[in-house]
Amino acid sequence: MKNLIFLHGALGAASQFDRFKELMPVGFSFHSFDFEGHGKSESLNEITIENLANQLANYCKNLNEYSIFGYSMGGYIALYATSTGLIHPKNIVTLGTKFDWTPQFAEKEVTMLDPGL
């Protein structure tokens, strides 16, 4: 069985990928979870790239072989966790993942993190 992990973005949740479960081809196992502070998961720790990468590593430790699809922040977390040796996926595919972060750009993006606005 091939494991495929779907990772959501900063304002997302695992439930965004629910429709994908029924579309998975035979031989693939669907995986997704809420990062801390997202979806139905409470924030137990400070939300940092390092903490989210550790959460992904903990999820992956019981999977033999897996590939990852990461949307936006989810892609960044997957790439970060791989580059630091926390995880060893077979493949990573990202969509909408930003790589060039500056303090000015981050400050602008933070103003958009309130979904109520």
PDB file of N, CA and C in Angstrom:
ATOM      1  N   MET A   1       0.844  -1.177   0.000  1.00  0.00           N
ATOM      2  CA  MET A   1       0.000   0.000   0.000  1.00  0.00           C
ATOM      3  C   MET A   1       0.891   1.242   0.000  1.00  0.00           C
ATOM      4  N   LYS A   2       0.627   2.177  -0.894  1.00  0.00           N
ATOM      5  CA  LYS A   2       1.368   3.433  -0.957  1.00  0.00           C
ATOM      6  C   LYS A   2       0.647   4.474  -0.112  1.00  0.00           C
ATOM      7  N   ASN A   3       1.374   5.131   0.763  1.00  0.00           N
ATOM      8  CA  ASN A   3       0.808   6.149   1.644  1.00  0.00           C
ATOM      9  C   ASN A   3       0.985   7.526   1.030  1.00  0.00           C
ATOM     10  N   LEU A   4      -0.099   8.294   0.989  1.00  0.00           N
ATOM     11  CA  LEU A   4      -0.065   9.657   0.481  1.00  0.00           C
ATOM     12  C   LEU A   4      -0.611  10.576   1.561  1.00  0.00           C
ATOM     13  N   ILE A   5       0.241  11.510   2.023  1.00  0.00           N
ATOM     14  CA  ILE A   5      -0.126  12.437   3.095  1.00  0.00           C
ATOM     15  C   ILE A   5      -0.459  13.788   2.483  1.00  0.00           C
ATOM     16  N   PHE A   6      -1.630  14.326   2.822  1.00  0.00           N
ATOM     17  CA  PHE A   6      -2.058  15.649   2.373  1.00  0.00           C
ATOM     18  C   PHE A   6      -1.909  16.624   3.534  1.00  0.00           C
ATOM     19  N   LEU A   7      -1.174  17.719   3.316  1.00  0.00           N
ATOM     20  CA  LEU A   7      -0.935  18.720   4.349  1.00  0.00           C
ATOM     21  C   LEU A   7      -1.580  20.046   3.957  1.00  0.00           C
ATOM     22  N   HIS A   8      -2.363  20.610   4.853  1.00  0.00           N
ATOM     23  CA  HIS A   8      -3.100  21.850   4.579  1.00  0.00           C
ATOM     24  C   HIS A   8      -2.236  23.088   4.776  1.00  0.00           C
ATOM     25  N   GLY A   9      -2.787  24.234   4.368  1.00  0.00           N
ATOM     26  CA  GLY A   9      -2.118  25.515   4.501  1.00  0.00           C
ATOM     27  C   GLY A   9      -2.402  26.184   5.838  1.00  0.00           C
ATOM     28  N   ALA A  10      -1.894  27.408   6.004  1.00  0.00           N
ATOM     29  CA  ALA A  10      -1.959  28.132   7.276  1.00  0.00           C
ATOM     30  C   ALA A  10      -3.383  28.400   7.751  1.00  0.00           C
ATOM     31  N   LEU A  11      -4.295  28.669   6.862  1.00  0.00           N
ATOM     32  CA  LEU A  11      -5.685  28.917   7.264  1.00  0.00           C
ATOM     33  C   LEU A  11      -6.570  27.712   7.005  1.00  0.00           C
ATOM     34  N   GLY A  12      -5.968  26.555   6.742  1.00  0.00           N
ATOM     35  CA  GLY A  12      -6.716  25.376   6.365  1.00  0.00           C
ATOM     36  C   GLY A  12      -6.872  24.357   7.470  1.00  0.00           C
ATOM     37  N   ALA A  13      -7.396  23.218   7.053  1.00  0.00           N
ATOM     38  CA  ALA A  13      -7.625  22.083   7.946  1.00  0.00           C
ATOM     39  C   ALA A  13      -7.620  20.815   7.113  1.00  0.00           C
ATOM     40  N   ALA A  14      -7.397  19.702   7.771  1.00  0.00           N
ATOM     41  CA  ALA A  14      -7.376  18.410   7.090  1.00  0.00           C
ATOM     42  C   ALA A  14      -8.688  18.133   6.362  1.00  0.00           C
ATOM     43  N   SER A  15      -9.784  18.645   6.880  1.00  0.00           N
ATOM     44  CA  SER A  15     -11.100  18.390   6.278  1.00  0.00           C
ATOM     45  C   SER A  15     -11.201  18.909   4.840  1.00  0.00           C
ATOM     46  N   GLN A  16     -10.323  19.828   4.456  1.00  0.00           N
ATOM     47  CA  GLN A  16     -10.334  20.329   3.080  1.00  0.00           C
ATOM     48  C   GLN A  16     -10.011  19.231   2.072  1.00  0.00           C
ATOM     49  N   PHE A  17      -9.388  18.181   2.520  1.00  0.00           N
ATOM     50  CA  PHE A  17      -8.998  17.096   1.627  1.00  0.00           C
ATOM     51  C   PHE A  17      -9.948  15.902   1.691  1.00  0.00           C
ATOM     52  N   ASP A  18     -11.044  16.011   2.428  1.00  0.00           N
ATOM     53  CA  ASP A  18     -11.969  14.884   2.592  1.00  0.00           C
ATOM     54  C   ASP A  18     -12.445  14.298   1.263  1.00  0.00           C
ATOM     55  N   ARG A  19     -12.699  15.130   0.284  1.00  0.00           N
ATOM     56  CA  ARG A  19     -13.176  14.623  -1.013  1.00  0.00           C
ATOM     57  C   ARG A  19     -12.127  13.772  -1.716  1.00  0.00           C
ATOM     58  N   PHE A  20     -10.871  13.986  -1.383  1.00  0.00           N
ATOM     59  CA  PHE A  20      -9.809  13.231  -2.022  1.00  0.00           C
ATOM     60  C   PHE A  20      -9.835  11.761  -1.615  1.00  0.00           C
ATOM     61  N   LYS A  21     -10.347  11.472  -0.412  1.00  0.00           N
ATOM     62  CA  LYS A  21     -10.398  10.087   0.068  1.00  0.00           C
ATOM     63  C   LYS A  21     -11.094   9.181  -0.934  1.00  0.00           C
ATOM     64  N   GLU A  22     -12.242   9.634  -1.439  1.00  0.00           N
ATOM     65  CA  GLU A  22     -13.016   8.817  -2.367  1.00  0.00           C
ATOM     66  C   GLU A  22     -12.397   8.749  -3.758  1.00  0.00           C
ATOM     67  N   LEU A  23     -11.442   9.626  -4.035  1.00  0.00           N
ATOM     68  CA  LEU A  23     -10.798   9.653  -5.347  1.00  0.00           C
ATOM     69  C   LEU A  23      -9.471   8.894  -5.387  1.00  0.00           C
ATOM     70  N   MET A  24      -9.041   8.398  -4.245  1.00  0.00           N
ATOM     71  CA  MET A  24      -7.753   7.709  -4.189  1.00  0.00           C
ATOM     72  C   MET A  24      -7.803   6.419  -5.006  1.00  0.00           C
ATOM     73  N   PRO A  25      -6.802   6.223  -5.862  1.00  0.00           N
ATOM     74  CA  PRO A  25      -6.771   4.986  -6.643  1.00  0.00           C
ATOM     75  C   PRO A  25      -6.494   3.770  -5.759  1.00  0.00           C
ATOM     76  N   VAL A  26      -6.829   2.615  -6.266  1.00  0.00           N
ATOM     77  CA  VAL A  26      -6.554   1.358  -5.560  1.00  0.00           C
ATOM     78  C   VAL A  26      -5.048   1.272  -5.318  1.00  0.00           C
ATOM     79  N   GLY A  27      -4.687   0.843  -4.134  1.00  0.00           N
ATOM     80  CA  GLY A  27      -3.282   0.698  -3.792  1.00  0.00           C
ATOM     81  C   GLY A  27      -2.702   1.888  -3.045  1.00  0.00           C
ATOM     82  N   PHE A  28      -3.501   2.941  -2.855  1.00  0.00           N
ATOM     83  CA  PHE A  28      -3.051   4.120  -2.116  1.00  0.00           C
ATOM     84  C   PHE A  28      -3.837   4.258  -0.824  1.00  0.00           C
ATOM     85  N   SER A  29      -3.148   4.662   0.210  1.00  0.00           N
ATOM     86  CA  SER A  29      -3.774   4.915   1.501  1.00  0.00           C
ATOM     87  C   SER A  29      -3.724   6.420   1.766  1.00  0.00           C
ATOM     88  N   PHE A  30      -4.880   7.018   2.028  1.00  0.00           N
ATOM     89  CA  PHE A  30      -5.023   8.452   2.259  1.00  0.00           C
ATOM     90  C   PHE A  30      -4.673   8.799   3.700  1.00  0.00           C
ATOM     91  N   HIS A  31      -3.901   9.879   3.891  1.00  0.00           N
ATOM     92  CA  HIS A  31      -3.553  10.368   5.230  1.00  0.00           C
ATOM     93  C   HIS A  31      -3.654  11.887   5.250  1.00  0.00           C
ATOM     94  N   SER A  32      -4.178  12.426   6.324  1.00  0.00           N
ATOM     95  CA  SER A  32      -4.204  13.862   6.550  1.00  0.00           C
ATOM     96  C   SER A  32      -4.465  14.109   8.027  1.00  0.00           C
ATOM     97  N   PHE A  33      -4.011  15.224   8.535  1.00  0.00           N
ATOM     98  CA  PHE A  33      -4.246  15.571   9.938  1.00  0.00           C
ATOM     99  C   PHE A  33      -4.228  17.086  10.057  1.00  0.00           C
ATOM    100  N   ASP A  34      -4.784  17.581  11.148  1.00  0.00           N
ATOM    101  CA  ASP A  34      -4.747  19.008  11.444  1.00  0.00           C
ATOM    102  C   ASP A  34      -3.453  19.331  12.179  1.00  0.00           C
ATOM    103  N   PHE A  35      -2.696  20.292  11.658  1.00  0.00           N
ATOM    104  CA  PHE A  35      -1.567  20.800  12.427  1.00  0.00           C
ATOM    105  C   PHE A  35      -2.114  21.456  13.687  1.00  0.00           C
ATOM    106  N   GLU A  36      -1.323  21.500  14.748  1.00  0.00           N
ATOM    107  CA  GLU A  36      -1.751  22.155  15.988  1.00  0.00           C
ATOM    108  C   GLU A  36      -2.228  23.571  15.697  1.00  0.00           C
ATOM    109  N   GLY A  37      -3.337  23.932  16.329  1.00  0.00           N
ATOM    110  CA  GLY A  37      -3.890  25.269  16.150  1.00  0.00           C
ATOM    111  C   GLY A  37      -4.681  25.444  14.875  1.00  0.00           C
ATOM    112  N   HIS A  38      -4.945  24.359  14.162  1.00  0.00           N
ATOM    113  CA  HIS A  38      -5.690  24.397  12.907  1.00  0.00           C
ATOM    114  C   HIS A  38      -6.822  23.378  12.964  1.00  0.00           C
ATOM    115  N   GLY A  39      -7.899  23.660  12.246  1.00  0.00           N
ATOM    116  CA  GLY A  39      -9.017  22.718  12.200  1.00  0.00           C
ATOM    117  C   GLY A  39      -9.519  22.398  13.595  1.00  0.00           C
ATOM    118  N   LYS A  40      -9.575  21.122  13.918  1.00  0.00           N
ATOM    119  CA  LYS A  40     -10.082  20.664  15.220  1.00  0.00           C
ATOM    120  C   LYS A  40      -8.977  20.443  16.247  1.00  0.00           C
ATOM    121  N   SER A  41      -7.743  20.801  15.889  1.00  0.00           N
ATOM    122  CA  SER A  41      -6.610  20.581  16.779  1.00  0.00           C
ATOM    123  C   SER A  41      -6.317  21.841  17.588  1.00  0.00           C
ATOM    124  N   GLU A  42      -6.258  21.674  18.898  1.00  0.00           N
ATOM    125  CA  GLU A  42      -5.919  22.801  19.761  1.00  0.00           C
ATOM    126  C   GLU A  42      -4.436  23.117  19.629  1.00  0.00           C
ATOM    127  N   SER A  43      -4.086  24.341  19.961  1.00  0.00           N
ATOM    128  CA  SER A  43      -2.687  24.747  19.948  1.00  0.00           C
ATOM    129  C   SER A  43      -2.094  24.467  21.315  1.00  0.00           C
ATOM    130  N   LEU A  44      -1.286  23.417  21.421  1.00  0.00           N
ATOM    131  CA  LEU A  44      -0.658  23.042  22.689  1.00  0.00           C
ATOM    132  C   LEU A  44       0.698  23.705  22.855  1.00  0.00           C
ATOM    133  N   ASN A  45       1.311  24.059  21.759  1.00  0.00           N
ATOM    134  CA  ASN A  45       2.632  24.681  21.759  1.00  0.00           C
ATOM    135  C   ASN A  45       2.581  25.951  20.920  1.00  0.00           C
ATOM    136  N   GLU A  46       3.648  26.710  20.968  1.00  0.00           N
ATOM    137  CA  GLU A  46       3.761  27.867  20.086  1.00  0.00           C
ATOM    138  C   GLU A  46       3.756  27.360  18.643  1.00  0.00           C
ATOM    139  N   ILE A  47       3.052  28.045  17.774  1.00  0.00           N
ATOM    140  CA  ILE A  47       2.998  27.624  16.373  1.00  0.00           C
ATOM    141  C   ILE A  47       4.226  28.173  15.661  1.00  0.00           C
ATOM    142  N   THR A  48       5.189  27.283  15.447  1.00  0.00           N
ATOM    143  CA  THR A  48       6.420  27.627  14.735  1.00  0.00           C
ATOM    144  C   THR A  48       6.651  26.576  13.659  1.00  0.00           C
ATOM    145  N   ILE A  49       7.484  26.918  12.694  1.00  0.00           N
ATOM    146  CA  ILE A  49       7.835  25.958  11.643  1.00  0.00           C
ATOM    147  C   ILE A  49       8.450  24.707  12.272  1.00  0.00           C
ATOM    148  N   GLU A  50       9.307  24.891  13.238  1.00  0.00           N
ATOM    149  CA  GLU A  50       9.972  23.760  13.878  1.00  0.00           C
ATOM    150  C   GLU A  50       8.964  22.846  14.577  1.00  0.00           C
ATOM    151  N   ASN A  51       8.029  23.435  15.325  1.00  0.00           N
ATOM    152  CA  ASN A  51       7.029  22.625  16.025  1.00  0.00           C
ATOM    153  C   ASN A  51       6.112  21.896  15.057  1.00  0.00           C
ATOM    154  N   LEU A  52       5.710  22.559  13.976  1.00  0.00           N
ATOM    155  CA  LEU A  52       4.850  21.901  12.988  1.00  0.00           C
ATOM    156  C   LEU A  52       5.614  20.793  12.267  1.00  0.00           C
ATOM    157  N   ALA A  53       6.896  21.016  11.991  1.00  0.00           N
ATOM    158  CA  ALA A  53       7.718  19.982  11.355  1.00  0.00           C
ATOM    159  C   ALA A  53       7.861  18.767  12.274  1.00  0.00           C
ATOM    160  N   ASN A  54       8.016  19.009  13.561  1.00  0.00           N
ATOM    161  CA  ASN A  54       8.091  17.894  14.518  1.00  0.00           C
ATOM    162  C   ASN A  54       6.771  17.136  14.580  1.00  0.00           C
ATOM    163  N   GLN A  55       5.668  17.858  14.470  1.00  0.00           N
ATOM    164  CA  GLN A  55       4.370  17.191  14.453  1.00  0.00           C
ATOM    165  C   GLN A  55       4.264  16.284  13.223  1.00  0.00           C
ATOM    166  N   LEU A  56       4.707  16.779  12.077  1.00  0.00           N
ATOM    167  CA  LEU A  56       4.703  15.958  10.863  1.00  0.00           C
ATOM    168  C   LEU A  56       5.609  14.742  11.042  1.00  0.00           C
ATOM    169  N   ALA A  57       6.787  14.939  11.609  1.00  0.00           N
ATOM    170  CA  ALA A  57       7.720  13.824  11.825  1.00  0.00           C
ATOM    171  C   ALA A  57       7.096  12.765  12.728  1.00  0.00           C
ATOM    172  N   ASN A  58       6.403  13.176  13.771  1.00  0.00           N
ATOM    173  CA  ASN A  58       5.730  12.217  14.652  1.00  0.00           C
ATOM    174  C   ASN A  58       4.654  11.447  13.914  1.00  0.00           C
ATOM    175  N   TYR A  59       3.942  12.119  13.019  1.00  0.00           N
ATOM    176  CA  TYR A  59       2.906  11.436  12.236  1.00  0.00           C
ATOM    177  C   TYR A  59       3.537  10.402  11.302  1.00  0.00           C
ATOM    178  N   CYS A  60       4.651  10.750  10.704  1.00  0.00           N
ATOM    179  CA  CYS A  60       5.282   9.894   9.692  1.00  0.00           C
ATOM    180  C   CYS A  60       6.053   8.710  10.262  1.00  0.00           C
ATOM    181  N   LYS A  61       6.382   8.737  11.544  1.00  0.00           N
ATOM    182  CA  LYS A  61       7.296   7.723  12.084  1.00  0.00           C
ATOM    183  C   LYS A  61       6.771   6.292  11.987  1.00  0.00           C
ATOM    184  N   ASN A  62       5.476   6.099  11.875  1.00  0.00           N
ATOM    185  CA  ASN A  62       4.918   4.748  11.771  1.00  0.00           C
ATOM    186  C   ASN A  62       4.595   4.343  10.338  1.00  0.00           C
ATOM    187  N   LEU A  63       4.961   5.179   9.378  1.00  0.00           N
ATOM    188  CA  LEU A  63       4.726   4.868   7.967  1.00  0.00           C
ATOM    189  C   LEU A  63       6.043   4.435   7.330  1.00  0.00           C
ATOM    190  N   ASN A  64       6.030   3.307   6.640  1.00  0.00           N
ATOM    191  CA  ASN A  64       7.257   2.812   6.008  1.00  0.00           C
ATOM    192  C   ASN A  64       7.683   3.677   4.836  1.00  0.00           C
ATOM    193  N   GLU A  65       6.799   3.860   3.892  1.00  0.00           N
ATOM    194  CA  GLU A  65       7.100   4.650   2.707  1.00  0.00           C
ATOM    195  C   GLU A  65       5.915   5.562   2.454  1.00  0.00           C
ATOM    196  N   TYR A  66       6.182   6.820   2.154  1.00  0.00           N
ATOM    197  CA  TYR A  66       5.099   7.767   1.965  1.00  0.00           C
ATOM    198  C   TYR A  66       5.532   8.895   1.042  1.00  0.00           C
ATOM    199  N   SER A  67       4.547   9.485   0.400  1.00  0.00           N
ATOM    200  CA  SER A  67       4.724  10.688  -0.402  1.00  0.00           C
ATOM    201  C   SER A  67       3.845  11.764   0.203  1.00  0.00           C
ATOM    202  N   ILE A  68       4.189  13.015  -0.066  1.00  0.00           N
ATOM    203  CA  ILE A  68       3.467  14.130   0.542  1.00  0.00           C
ATOM    204  C   ILE A  68       3.003  15.114  -0.516  1.00  0.00           C
ATOM    205  N   PHE A  69       1.749  15.560  -0.385  1.00  0.00           N
ATOM    206  CA  PHE A  69       1.243  16.716  -1.117  1.00  0.00           C
ATOM    207  C   PHE A  69       1.015  17.801  -0.074  1.00  0.00           C
ATOM    208  N   GLY A  70       1.705  18.933  -0.229  1.00  0.00           N
ATOM    209  CA  GLY A  70       1.558  20.020   0.725  1.00  0.00           C
ATOM    210  C   GLY A  70       1.067  21.275   0.054  1.00  0.00           C
ATOM    211  N   TYR A  71      -0.036  21.801   0.567  1.00  0.00           N
ATOM    212  CA  TYR A  71      -0.562  23.055   0.052  1.00  0.00           C
ATOM    213  C   TYR A  71      -0.005  24.206   0.890  1.00  0.00           C
ATOM    214  N   SER A  72       0.579  25.184   0.235  1.00  0.00           N
ATOM    215  CA  SER A  72       1.068  26.404   0.870  1.00  0.00           C
ATOM    216  C   SER A  72       1.952  26.080   2.072  1.00  0.00           C
ATOM    217  N   MET A  73       1.519  26.420   3.283  1.00  0.00           N
ATOM    218  CA  MET A  73       2.317  26.156   4.478  1.00  0.00           C
ATOM    219  C   MET A  73       2.632  24.668   4.618  1.00  0.00           C
ATOM    220  N   GLY A  74       1.696  23.800   4.253  1.00  0.00           N
ATOM    221  CA  GLY A  74       1.923  22.363   4.348  1.00  0.00           C
ATOM    222  C   GLY A  74       3.106  21.915   3.509  1.00  0.00           C
ATOM    223  N   GLY A  75       3.249  22.507   2.324  1.00  0.00           N
ATOM    224  CA  GLY A  75       4.395  22.208   1.479  1.00  0.00           C
ATOM    225  C   GLY A  75       5.693  22.693   2.100  1.00  0.00           C
ATOM    226  N   TYR A  76       5.639  23.886   2.681  1.00  0.00           N
ATOM    227  CA  TYR A  76       6.822  24.450   3.325  1.00  0.00           C
ATOM    228  C   TYR A  76       7.254  23.568   4.501  1.00  0.00           C
ATOM    229  N   ILE A  77       6.287  23.127   5.288  1.00  0.00           N
ATOM    230  CA  ILE A  77       6.601  22.261   6.433  1.00  0.00           C
ATOM    231  C   ILE A  77       7.235  20.957   5.952  1.00  0.00           C
ATOM    232  N   ALA A  78       6.674  20.366   4.902  1.00  0.00           N
ATOM    233  CA  ALA A  78       7.227  19.109   4.373  1.00  0.00           C
ATOM    234  C   ALA A  78       8.654  19.296   3.893  1.00  0.00           C
ATOM    235  N   LEU A  79       8.910  20.371   3.173  1.00  0.00           N
ATOM    236  CA  LEU A  79      10.259  20.624   2.667  1.00  0.00           C
ATOM    237  C   LEU A  79      11.230  20.934   3.805  1.00  0.00           C
ATOM    238  N   TYR A  80      10.781  21.705   4.776  1.00  0.00           N
ATOM    239  CA  TYR A  80      11.628  22.020   5.932  1.00  0.00           C
ATOM    240  C   TYR A  80      11.973  20.736   6.704  1.00  0.00           C
ATOM    241  N   ALA A  81      10.964  19.925   6.973  1.00  0.00           N
ATOM    242  CA  ALA A  81      11.186  18.695   7.741  1.00  0.00           C
ATOM    243  C   ALA A  81      12.123  17.745   6.994  1.00  0.00           C
ATOM    244  N   THR A  82      12.035  17.726   5.676  1.00  0.00           N
ATOM    245  CA  THR A  82      12.927  16.886   4.880  1.00  0.00           C
ATOM    246  C   THR A  82      14.346  17.440   4.888  1.00  0.00           C
ATOM    247  N   SER A  83      14.465  18.761   4.715  1.00  0.00           N
ATOM    248  CA  SER A  83      15.805  19.373   4.648  1.00  0.00           C
ATOM    249  C   SER A  83      16.557  19.273   5.977  1.00  0.00           C
ATOM    250  N   THR A  84      15.830  19.151   7.078  1.00  0.00           N
ATOM    251  CA  THR A  84      16.476  19.023   8.386  1.00  0.00           C
ATOM    252  C   THR A  84      16.620  17.571   8.828  1.00  0.00           C
ATOM    253  N   GLY A  85      16.198  16.637   7.984  1.00  0.00           N
ATOM    254  CA  GLY A  85      16.359  15.217   8.283  1.00  0.00           C
ATOM    255  C   GLY A  85      15.309  14.628   9.206  1.00  0.00           C
ATOM    256  N   LEU A  86      14.255  15.382   9.479  1.00  0.00           N
ATOM    257  CA  LEU A  86      13.196  14.867  10.361  1.00  0.00           C
ATOM    258  C   LEU A  86      12.357  13.788   9.687  1.00  0.00           C
ATOM    259  N   ILE A  87      12.160  13.924   8.379  1.00  0.00           N
ATOM    260  CA  ILE A  87      11.365  12.950   7.627  1.00  0.00           C
ATOM    261  C   ILE A  87      12.112  12.570   6.353  1.00  0.00           C
ATOM    262  N   HIS A  88      11.695  11.458   5.757  1.00  0.00           N
ATOM    263  CA  HIS A  88      12.339  10.963   4.545  1.00  0.00           C
ATOM    264  C   HIS A  88      11.270  10.461   3.564  1.00  0.00           C
ATOM    265  N   PRO A  89      10.502  11.388   2.987  1.00  0.00           N
ATOM    266  CA  PRO A  89       9.452  10.964   2.055  1.00  0.00           C
ATOM    267  C   PRO A  89      10.036  10.499   0.722  1.00  0.00           C
ATOM    268  N   LYS A  90       9.262   9.704   0.039  1.00  0.00           N
ATOM    269  CA  LYS A  90       9.665   9.265  -1.298  1.00  0.00           C
ATOM    270  C   LYS A  90       9.571  10.433  -2.275  1.00  0.00           C
ATOM    271  N   ASN A  91       8.492  11.214  -2.167  1.00  0.00           N
ATOM    272  CA  ASN A  91       8.247  12.363  -3.035  1.00  0.00           C
ATOM    273  C   ASN A  91       7.548  13.456  -2.245  1.00  0.00           C
ATOM    274  N   ILE A  92       7.728  14.699  -2.705  1.00  0.00           N
ATOM    275  CA  ILE A  92       6.964  15.827  -2.179  1.00  0.00           C
ATOM    276  C   ILE A  92       6.467  16.634  -3.374  1.00  0.00           C
ATOM    277  N   VAL A  93       5.183  16.954  -3.357  1.00  0.00           N
ATOM    278  CA  VAL A  93       4.597  17.853  -4.349  1.00  0.00           C
ATOM    279  C   VAL A  93       3.996  19.009  -3.562  1.00  0.00           C
ATOM    280  N   THR A  94       4.292  20.240  -3.992  1.00  0.00           N
ATOM    281  CA  THR A  94       3.737  21.402  -3.308  1.00  0.00           C
ATOM    282  C   THR A  94       2.897  22.219  -4.279  1.00  0.00           C
ATOM    283  N   LEU A  95       1.975  22.974  -3.717  1.00  0.00           N
ATOM    284  CA  LEU A  95       1.139  23.889  -4.496  1.00  0.00           C
ATOM    285  C   LEU A  95       0.993  25.167  -3.684  1.00  0.00           C
ATOM    286  N   GLY A  96       1.322  26.300  -4.281  1.00  0.00           N
ATOM    287  CA  GLY A  96       1.171  27.579  -3.608  1.00  0.00           C
ATOM    288  C   GLY A  96       2.116  27.776  -2.443  1.00  0.00           C
ATOM    289  N   THR A  97       3.274  27.131  -2.472  1.00  0.00           N
ATOM    290  CA  THR A  97       4.238  27.241  -1.379  1.00  0.00           C
ATOM    291  C   THR A  97       5.225  28.364  -1.687  1.00  0.00           C
ATOM    292  N   LYS A  98       5.356  29.299  -0.772  1.00  0.00           N
ATOM    293  CA  LYS A  98       6.262  30.439  -0.938  1.00  0.00           C
ATOM    294  C   LYS A  98       7.591  30.115  -0.274  1.00  0.00           C
ATOM    295  N   PHE A  99       8.677  30.442  -0.973  1.00  0.00           N
ATOM    296  CA  PHE A  99      10.015  30.161  -0.459  1.00  0.00           C
ATOM    297  C   PHE A  99      10.765  31.415  -0.027  1.00  0.00           C
ATOM    298  N   ASP A 100      10.501  32.537  -0.642  1.00  0.00           N
ATOM    299  CA  ASP A 100      11.256  33.765  -0.410  1.00  0.00           C
ATOM    300  C   ASP A 100      10.556  34.633   0.625  1.00  0.00           C
ATOM    301  N   TRP A 101      10.825  34.349   1.908  1.00  0.00           N
ATOM    302  CA  TRP A 101      10.203  35.106   2.997  1.00  0.00           C
ATOM    303  C   TRP A 101      11.159  36.192   3.476  1.00  0.00           C
ATOM    304  N   THR A 102      10.660  37.409   3.543  1.00  0.00           N
ATOM    305  CA  THR A 102      11.399  38.523   4.129  1.00  0.00           C
ATOM    306  C   THR A 102      10.581  39.023   5.311  1.00  0.00           C
ATOM    307  N   PRO A 103      11.200  39.733   6.236  1.00  0.00           N
ATOM    308  CA  PRO A 103      10.414  40.284   7.358  1.00  0.00           C
ATOM    309  C   PRO A 103       9.263  41.168   6.879  1.00  0.00           C
ATOM    310  N   GLN A 104       9.476  41.944   5.827  1.00  0.00           N
ATOM    311  CA  GLN A 104       8.435  42.825   5.308  1.00  0.00           C
ATOM    312  C   GLN A 104       7.269  42.009   4.728  1.00  0.00           C
ATOM    313  N   PHE A 105       7.591  40.973   3.973  1.00  0.00           N
ATOM    314  CA  PHE A 105       6.539  40.155   3.387  1.00  0.00           C
ATOM    315  C   PHE A 105       5.779  39.401   4.475  1.00  0.00           C
ATOM    316  N   ALA A 106       6.494  38.882   5.458  1.00  0.00           N
ATOM    317  CA  ALA A 106       5.853  38.149   6.556  1.00  0.00           C
ATOM    318  C   ALA A 106       4.903  39.062   7.322  1.00  0.00           C
ATOM    319  N   GLU A 107       5.325  40.300   7.551  1.00  0.00           N
ATOM    320  CA  GLU A 107       4.470  41.253   8.259  1.00  0.00           C
ATOM    321  C   GLU A 107       3.172  41.500   7.490  1.00  0.00           C
ATOM    322  N   LYS A 108       3.281  41.622   6.181  1.00  0.00           N
ATOM    323  CA  LYS A 108       2.096  41.816   5.332  1.00  0.00           C
ATOM    324  C   LYS A 108       1.187  40.587   5.382  1.00  0.00           C
ATOM    325  N   GLU A 109       1.775  39.407   5.315  1.00  0.00           N
ATOM    326  CA  GLU A 109       0.997  38.170   5.319  1.00  0.00           C
ATOM    327  C   GLU A 109       0.261  37.957   6.644  1.00  0.00           C
ATOM    328  N   VAL A 110       0.887  38.324   7.745  1.00  0.00           N
ATOM    329  CA  VAL A 110       0.280  38.151   9.059  1.00  0.00           C
ATOM    330  C   VAL A 110      -1.040  38.907   9.142  1.00  0.00           C
ATOM    331  N   THR A 111      -1.126  40.043   8.463  1.00  0.00           N
ATOM    332  CA  THR A 111      -2.383  40.819   8.505  1.00  0.00           C
ATOM    333  C   THR A 111      -3.527  40.079   7.830  1.00  0.00           C
ATOM    334  N   MET A 112      -3.207  39.076   7.010  1.00  0.00           N
ATOM    335  CA  MET A 112      -4.250  38.311   6.315  1.00  0.00           C
ATOM    336  C   MET A 112      -4.609  37.006   7.029  1.00  0.00           C
ATOM    337  N   LEU A 113      -4.036  36.751   8.201  1.00  0.00           N
ATOM    338  CA  LEU A 113      -4.288  35.499   8.902  1.00  0.00           C
ATOM    339  C   LEU A 113      -5.563  35.506   9.739  1.00  0.00           C
ATOM    340  N   ASP A 114      -6.280  36.584   9.745  1.00  0.00           N
ATOM    341  CA  ASP A 114      -7.544  36.634  10.467  1.00  0.00           C
ATOM    342  C   ASP A 114      -8.663  36.344   9.468  1.00  0.00           C
ATOM    343  N   PRO A 115      -9.192  35.108   9.458  1.00  0.00           N
ATOM    344  CA  PRO A 115     -10.195  34.749   8.456  1.00  0.00           C
ATOM    345  C   PRO A 115     -11.508  35.529   8.620  1.00  0.00           C
ATOM    346  N   GLY A 116     -11.675  36.223   9.744  1.00  0.00           N
ATOM    347  CA  GLY A 116     -12.888  36.991   9.971  1.00  0.00           C
ATOM    348  C   GLY A 116     -12.884  38.340   9.269  1.00  0.00           C
ATOM    349  N   LEU A 117     -11.742  38.754   8.748  1.00  0.00           N
ATOM    350  CA  LEU A 117     -11.642  40.066   8.088  1.00  0.00           C
ATOM    351  C   LEU A 117     -12.147  40.021   6.671  1.00  0.00           C
TER     352      LEU A 117
END
